[in-house]
Amino acid sequence: MRKVQSLPSFSLTNYSYSHSKGSYIKTLPSPEKSAQVRLPTNLIIQATQCTNIKCNATYVITSRDKKVGSNSYEFFTGLQETKYNQWFSGDDFFKIEDKEVKSLILFNFSTDKVKIKVYYFHGYYLAKKRARQRFINDAIIEIVSRSINDTLE
């Protein structure tokens, strides 16, 4: 297996499921929305209702809130399966001063599906599907390796 020598910069945001709210809620230390990470405070997973979703995802993950004056969500992405259990990929797209920015996102669910670790690669996206899938697989290996090394130190 190849190992990613250096990952592009990313932000890690943790979520925990709240039964009372029916959604995943950002946990500390960074519950606020920032310019670097566009992830909302609440995330909801739901079955895909549109058959024309480009990624053919079975599930989507969205914000609770919709854009002001619109029927679309502030945050929306399909959950694409990876070759690793509990790991999914998605993307985020937005405009800044008429410039399109697309970012890759990795979602790592706990075995019991109560927690999600979200790795947001701001402004980093590979357009070619094969290269993107290769990067996703290598990045997951690197992230898991770093997590194991952190617990050993």
Protein backbone atom coordinates (compact mmCIF):
# COMPACT_ATOMS: atom_id res chain seq x y z
CA MET A 1 0.00 0.00 0.00
CA ARG A 2 1.17 3.48 -0.88
CA LYS A 3 1.25 6.03 1.86
CA VAL A 4 0.43 9.70 1.31
CA GLN A 5 3.67 11.51 2.11
CA SER A 6 1.94 14.72 3.09
CA LEU A 7 -1.75 15.38 3.12
CA PRO A 8 -3.10 18.71 1.92
CA SER A 9 -4.23 20.83 4.85
CA PHE A 10 -7.55 19.83 6.33
CA SER A 11 -9.76 20.64 9.29
CA LEU A 12 -11.16 17.98 11.61
CA THR A 13 -14.62 18.54 13.03
CA ASN A 14 -16.31 16.11 15.42
CA TYR A 15 -20.03 15.45 15.66
CA SER A 16 -22.12 13.41 18.11
CA TYR A 17 -25.65 12.22 17.54
CA SER A 18 -28.34 13.89 19.63
CA HIS A 19 -31.50 11.79 19.95
CA SER A 20 -33.44 14.78 21.24
CA LYS A 21 -32.53 16.90 18.19
CA GLY A 22 -32.56 14.04 15.68
CA SER A 23 -29.27 15.19 14.17
CA TYR A 24 -25.51 15.15 14.62
CA ILE A 25 -24.26 18.15 16.61
CA LYS A 26 -20.77 19.69 16.40
CA THR A 27 -18.79 19.02 19.54
CA LEU A 28 -16.11 21.15 21.14
CA PRO A 29 -13.46 22.45 20.70
CA SER A 30 -14.79 24.21 17.57
CA PRO A 31 -18.58 24.43 17.51
CA GLU A 32 -18.59 27.69 15.55
CA LYS A 33 -18.79 28.01 11.77
CA SER A 34 -15.61 29.48 10.31
CA ALA A 35 -14.49 30.71 6.91
CA GLN A 36 -12.11 27.75 6.67
CA VAL A 37 -14.72 25.14 7.43
CA ARG A 38 -18.22 25.55 6.08
CA LEU A 39 -19.64 22.73 8.11
CA PRO A 40 -22.87 23.59 9.93
CA THR A 41 -23.62 23.03 13.60
CA ASN A 42 -26.19 20.29 12.81
CA LEU A 43 -25.92 17.51 10.22
CA ILE A 44 -28.78 15.26 9.14
CA ILE A 45 -28.43 12.02 7.20
CA GLN A 46 -31.31 11.11 4.95
CA ALA A 47 -32.05 8.81 2.04
CA THR A 48 -31.45 10.31 -1.38
CA GLN A 49 -34.74 11.43 -2.87
CA CYS A 50 -33.49 12.49 -6.31
CA THR A 51 -32.39 9.86 -8.79
CA ASN A 52 -30.34 12.43 -10.67
CA ILE A 53 -27.78 13.01 -7.89
CA LYS A 54 -24.48 12.90 -9.81
CA CYS A 55 -22.68 10.62 -7.41
CA ASN A 56 -25.56 8.11 -7.22
CA ALA A 57 -25.30 8.20 -3.44
CA THR A 58 -27.85 6.22 -1.45
CA TYR A 59 -27.65 8.76 1.37
CA VAL A 60 -27.02 12.47 1.62
CA ILE A 61 -25.85 14.52 4.54
CA THR A 62 -27.29 18.01 4.90
CA SER A 63 -27.48 20.94 7.24
CA ARG A 64 -30.66 21.42 9.22
CA ASP A 65 -30.97 24.98 7.92
CA LYS A 66 -31.79 26.13 4.42
CA LYS A 67 -30.31 29.12 2.62
CA VAL A 68 -32.14 32.37 3.28
CA GLY A 69 -34.84 32.88 0.66
CA SER A 70 -34.21 29.48 -0.90
CA ASN A 71 -35.41 25.91 -0.63
CA SER A 72 -31.85 24.52 -0.80
CA TYR A 73 -29.76 23.51 2.19
CA GLU A 74 -26.79 25.54 3.45
CA PHE A 75 -24.77 22.32 3.26
CA PHE A 76 -25.51 19.28 1.09
CA THR A 77 -23.42 16.36 -0.17
CA GLY A 78 -23.89 12.75 -1.15
CA LEU A 79 -22.20 10.12 1.00
CA GLN A 80 -20.02 8.03 -1.32
CA GLU A 81 -18.86 4.67 -0.03
CA THR A 82 -15.12 4.03 0.09
CA LYS A 83 -13.37 0.69 0.27
CA TYR A 84 -13.04 1.11 4.05
CA ASN A 85 -15.83 0.40 6.54
CA GLN A 86 -17.32 3.45 8.23
CA TRP A 87 -15.57 5.81 5.76
CA PHE A 88 -17.43 7.89 3.18
CA SER A 89 -16.46 10.75 0.90
CA GLY A 90 -18.32 13.79 -0.29
CA ASP A 91 -17.64 17.26 -1.60
CA ASP A 92 -18.59 20.84 -0.96
CA PHE A 93 -19.02 23.53 -3.57
CA PHE A 94 -19.42 27.27 -3.10
CA LYS A 95 -18.49 30.58 -4.69
CA ILE A 96 -16.29 33.34 -3.33
CA GLU A 97 -16.32 36.53 -5.40
CA ASP A 98 -17.48 34.60 -8.51
CA LYS A 99 -14.71 32.03 -8.07
CA GLU A 100 -15.87 28.43 -7.71
CA VAL A 101 -14.31 26.50 -4.83
CA LYS A 102 -14.73 22.74 -4.51
CA SER A 103 -13.50 20.84 -1.47
CA LEU A 104 -13.16 17.14 -0.71
CA ILE A 105 -14.64 15.80 2.53
CA LEU A 106 -14.07 12.49 4.31
CA PHE A 107 -16.60 11.23 6.87
CA ASN A 108 -15.58 8.60 9.42
CA PHE A 109 -18.49 7.13 11.40
CA SER A 110 -17.99 5.33 14.67
CA THR A 111 -18.99 1.67 14.63
CA ASP A 112 -22.20 2.46 16.52
CA LYS A 113 -22.90 5.46 14.18
CA VAL A 114 -23.13 7.82 17.18
CA LYS A 115 -20.08 9.92 16.26
CA ILE A 116 -18.70 11.32 13.01
CA LYS A 117 -15.24 12.71 12.37
CA VAL A 118 -15.34 15.03 9.36
CA TYR A 119 -12.08 15.77 7.52
CA TYR A 120 -12.59 18.85 5.33
CA PHE A 121 -9.94 19.54 2.67
CA HIS A 122 -10.71 23.21 1.98
CA GLY A 123 -10.15 24.07 -1.69
CA TYR A 124 -8.66 20.63 -2.48
CA TYR A 125 -10.47 18.44 -5.00
CA LEU A 126 -9.34 16.11 -7.78
CA ALA A 127 -11.63 16.28 -10.82
CA LYS A 128 -10.63 12.90 -12.26
CA LYS A 129 -12.52 10.11 -10.53
CA ARG A 130 -9.66 7.57 -10.46
CA ALA A 131 -7.17 10.06 -9.03
CA ARG A 132 -9.75 11.19 -6.46
CA GLN A 133 -10.49 7.61 -5.38
CA ARG A 134 -6.76 6.83 -5.12
CA PHE A 135 -6.24 9.95 -3.01
CA ILE A 136 -9.23 9.09 -0.77
CA ASN A 137 -7.93 5.58 -0.11
CA ASP A 138 -4.38 6.80 0.58
CA ALA A 139 -5.62 9.67 2.78
CA ILE A 140 -7.71 7.30 4.91
CA ILE A 141 -4.67 5.08 5.43
CA GLU A 142 -2.59 8.12 6.43
CA ILE A 143 -5.27 9.51 8.79
CA VAL A 144 -5.72 6.15 10.51
CA SER A 145 -1.93 5.74 10.77
CA ARG A 146 -1.61 9.19 12.36
CA SER A 147 -4.43 8.39 14.81
CA ILE A 148 -2.76 5.15 15.86
CA ASN A 149 0.61 6.91 16.28
CA ASP A 150 -1.02 9.67 18.36
CA THR A 151 -2.47 7.11 20.78
CA LEU A 152 0.91 5.37 21.12
CA GLU A 153 2.78 8.54 22.06
